[in-house]
Amino acid sequence: MADTADQCNLNSESRYSCVTRCRRFGKSMAAKMLCAYYDMSYDSRELFRGLKAEQNKSFETYINII
């Protein structure tokens, strides 16, 4: 799996995010990754350990906030 965190802008103040890709190119996987990042029902820091997203200065601010 490729670490493409530098291509995502998770700091947007927009209420909605639109994930557009061709058929069979990981839309569901991308949506599940966003759910894992924001979901408060479990601590997902381990999933992002060592990835670019973890190095972002806003990582601790927004992880598991919803």
N, C-alpha and C. Protein backbone atom coordinates (compact mmCIF):
# COMPACT_ATOMS: atom_id res chain seq x y z
N MET A 1 0.84 -1.17 0.00
CA MET A 1 0.00 0.00 0.00
C MET A 1 0.89 1.24 0.00
N ALA A 2 0.55 2.22 -0.77
CA ALA A 2 1.32 3.45 -0.86
C ALA A 2 0.87 4.45 0.19
N ASP A 3 1.81 5.16 0.78
CA ASP A 3 1.50 6.21 1.75
C ASP A 3 1.29 7.51 0.97
N THR A 4 0.05 7.91 0.80
CA THR A 4 -0.28 9.09 0.00
C THR A 4 -0.83 10.21 0.87
N ALA A 5 -0.44 10.27 2.12
CA ALA A 5 -0.95 11.29 3.04
C ALA A 5 -0.63 12.69 2.56
N ASP A 6 0.47 12.87 1.86
CA ASP A 6 0.82 14.21 1.39
C ASP A 6 -0.14 14.71 0.31
N GLN A 7 -0.96 13.83 -0.23
CA GLN A 7 -1.93 14.23 -1.25
C GLN A 7 -3.29 14.59 -0.66
N CYS A 8 -3.48 14.34 0.63
CA CYS A 8 -4.76 14.61 1.30
C CYS A 8 -4.64 15.87 2.12
N ASN A 9 -5.69 16.68 2.09
CA ASN A 9 -5.74 17.88 2.91
C ASN A 9 -6.76 17.64 4.01
N LEU A 10 -6.32 17.11 5.15
CA LEU A 10 -7.23 16.83 6.25
C LEU A 10 -7.45 18.07 7.12
N ASN A 11 -6.79 19.17 6.81
CA ASN A 11 -6.94 20.39 7.60
C ASN A 11 -8.04 21.29 7.08
N SER A 12 -8.77 20.83 6.10
CA SER A 12 -9.83 21.63 5.51
C SER A 12 -10.94 21.87 6.53
N GLU A 13 -11.55 23.03 6.50
CA GLU A 13 -12.68 23.32 7.38
C GLU A 13 -14.00 22.94 6.73
N SER A 14 -13.93 22.32 5.58
CA SER A 14 -15.13 21.89 4.87
C SER A 14 -15.83 20.78 5.65
N ARG A 15 -17.14 20.79 5.63
CA ARG A 15 -17.92 19.77 6.35
C ARG A 15 -17.89 18.44 5.60
N TYR A 16 -17.78 18.46 4.29
CA TYR A 16 -17.81 17.25 3.49
C TYR A 16 -16.52 17.10 2.69
N SER A 17 -16.16 15.85 2.45
CA SER A 17 -15.01 15.55 1.60
C SER A 17 -15.50 14.71 0.44
N CYS A 18 -15.04 15.01 -0.73
CA CYS A 18 -15.42 14.26 -1.92
C CYS A 18 -14.22 13.42 -2.36
N VAL A 19 -14.41 12.10 -2.40
CA VAL A 19 -13.35 11.19 -2.81
C VAL A 19 -13.71 10.69 -4.20
N THR A 20 -12.98 11.15 -5.21
CA THR A 20 -13.27 10.73 -6.58
C THR A 20 -12.12 9.92 -7.13
N ARG A 21 -12.46 8.78 -7.69
CA ARG A 21 -11.49 7.91 -8.34
C ARG A 21 -12.24 7.07 -9.36
N CYS A 22 -11.51 6.49 -10.27
CA CYS A 22 -12.11 5.58 -11.25
C CYS A 22 -12.62 4.33 -10.56
N ARG A 23 -13.43 3.57 -11.25
CA ARG A 23 -13.91 2.30 -10.70
C ARG A 23 -12.74 1.43 -10.28
N ARG A 24 -12.91 0.76 -9.16
CA ARG A 24 -11.96 -0.23 -8.65
C ARG A 24 -10.59 0.37 -8.28
N PHE A 25 -10.57 1.63 -7.88
CA PHE A 25 -9.31 2.28 -7.52
C PHE A 25 -9.30 2.76 -6.07
N GLY A 26 -9.96 2.04 -5.18
CA GLY A 26 -9.78 2.28 -3.75
C GLY A 26 -10.64 3.33 -3.07
N LYS A 27 -11.81 3.66 -3.60
CA LYS A 27 -12.65 4.64 -2.92
C LYS A 27 -13.09 4.13 -1.55
N SER A 28 -13.49 2.87 -1.47
CA SER A 28 -13.92 2.30 -0.19
C SER A 28 -12.77 2.26 0.81
N MET A 29 -11.59 1.90 0.34
CA MET A 29 -10.42 1.85 1.21
C MET A 29 -10.10 3.25 1.73
N ALA A 30 -10.18 4.24 0.89
CA ALA A 30 -9.90 5.62 1.30
C ALA A 30 -10.94 6.10 2.32
N ALA A 31 -12.20 5.75 2.10
CA ALA A 31 -13.26 6.14 3.04
C ALA A 31 -13.06 5.44 4.38
N LYS A 32 -12.66 4.18 4.39
CA LYS A 32 -12.41 3.45 5.63
C LYS A 32 -11.22 4.03 6.37
N MET A 33 -10.21 4.48 5.63
CA MET A 33 -9.05 5.10 6.24
C MET A 33 -9.45 6.40 6.94
N LEU A 34 -10.30 7.20 6.30
CA LEU A 34 -10.76 8.44 6.93
C LEU A 34 -11.60 8.14 8.17
N CYS A 35 -12.44 7.11 8.10
CA CYS A 35 -13.23 6.70 9.28
C CYS A 35 -12.31 6.29 10.42
N ALA A 36 -11.27 5.52 10.11
CA ALA A 36 -10.33 5.08 11.14
C ALA A 36 -9.62 6.27 11.77
N TYR A 37 -9.33 7.29 10.98
CA TYR A 37 -8.63 8.47 11.49
C TYR A 37 -9.50 9.26 12.47
N TYR A 38 -10.77 9.43 12.12
CA TYR A 38 -11.63 10.30 12.92
C TYR A 38 -12.47 9.58 13.98
N ASP A 39 -12.70 8.29 13.86
CA ASP A 39 -13.61 7.56 14.74
C ASP A 39 -13.12 7.50 16.19
N MET A 40 -13.97 7.91 17.13
CA MET A 40 -13.60 7.92 18.55
C MET A 40 -13.83 6.57 19.24
N SER A 41 -14.41 5.60 18.55
CA SER A 41 -14.74 4.34 19.22
C SER A 41 -13.51 3.50 19.52
N TYR A 42 -12.38 3.81 18.90
CA TYR A 42 -11.12 3.12 19.24
C TYR A 42 -9.94 4.02 18.88
N ASP A 43 -8.82 3.79 19.53
CA ASP A 43 -7.62 4.58 19.30
C ASP A 43 -6.88 4.02 18.08
N SER A 44 -6.81 4.79 17.02
CA SER A 44 -6.22 4.31 15.77
C SER A 44 -4.80 4.81 15.53
N ARG A 45 -4.13 5.31 16.54
CA ARG A 45 -2.77 5.80 16.36
C ARG A 45 -1.84 4.72 15.80
N GLU A 46 -2.03 3.48 16.23
CA GLU A 46 -1.19 2.37 15.77
C GLU A 46 -1.28 2.18 14.25
N LEU A 47 -2.47 2.40 13.69
CA LEU A 47 -2.65 2.25 12.23
C LEU A 47 -1.81 3.24 11.43
N PHE A 48 -1.57 4.41 12.01
CA PHE A 48 -0.86 5.47 11.30
C PHE A 48 0.61 5.60 11.71
N ARG A 49 1.07 4.74 12.62
CA ARG A 49 2.45 4.81 13.10
C ARG A 49 3.44 4.60 11.95
N GLY A 50 4.36 5.55 11.80
CA GLY A 50 5.39 5.47 10.77
C GLY A 50 4.99 6.04 9.43
N LEU A 51 3.75 6.48 9.30
CA LEU A 51 3.29 7.05 8.02
C LEU A 51 3.39 8.57 8.03
N LYS A 52 3.31 9.18 6.86
CA LYS A 52 3.43 10.64 6.75
C LYS A 52 2.34 11.36 7.53
N ALA A 53 1.15 10.77 7.60
CA ALA A 53 0.04 11.40 8.33
C ALA A 53 0.40 11.62 9.79
N GLU A 54 1.13 10.67 10.38
CA GLU A 54 1.52 10.79 11.79
C GLU A 54 2.50 11.94 12.00
N GLN A 55 3.26 12.28 11.00
CA GLN A 55 4.27 13.33 11.11
C GLN A 55 3.69 14.73 10.94
N ASN A 56 2.44 14.81 10.46
CA ASN A 56 1.79 16.10 10.25
C ASN A 56 1.54 16.77 11.60
N LYS A 57 1.76 18.08 11.67
CA LYS A 57 1.63 18.79 12.94
C LYS A 57 0.21 18.76 13.50
N SER A 58 -0.79 18.52 12.66
CA SER A 58 -2.18 18.49 13.14
C SER A 58 -2.66 17.07 13.46
N PHE A 59 -1.79 16.07 13.35
CA PHE A 59 -2.18 14.68 13.57
C PHE A 59 -2.83 14.48 14.94
N GLU A 60 -2.17 14.90 15.99
CA GLU A 60 -2.69 14.71 17.35
C GLU A 60 -3.94 15.55 17.61
N THR A 61 -4.08 16.67 16.90
CA THR A 61 -5.25 17.53 17.09
C THR A 61 -6.52 16.88 16.59
N TYR A 62 -6.45 16.20 15.45
CA TYR A 62 -7.67 15.70 14.80
C TYR A 62 -7.91 14.20 14.90
N ILE A 63 -6.93 13.42 15.32
CA ILE A 63 -7.14 11.97 15.34
C ILE A 63 -8.20 11.61 16.39
N ASN A 64 -9.14 10.78 15.98
CA ASN A 64 -10.21 10.26 16.84
C ASN A 64 -11.03 11.37 17.50
N ILE A 65 -11.48 12.35 16.71
CA ILE A 65 -12.26 13.46 17.29
C ILE A 65 -13.77 13.36 17.06
N ILE A 66 -14.19 12.46 16.19
CA ILE A 66 -15.63 12.39 15.87
C ILE A 66 -16.24 11.16 16.49
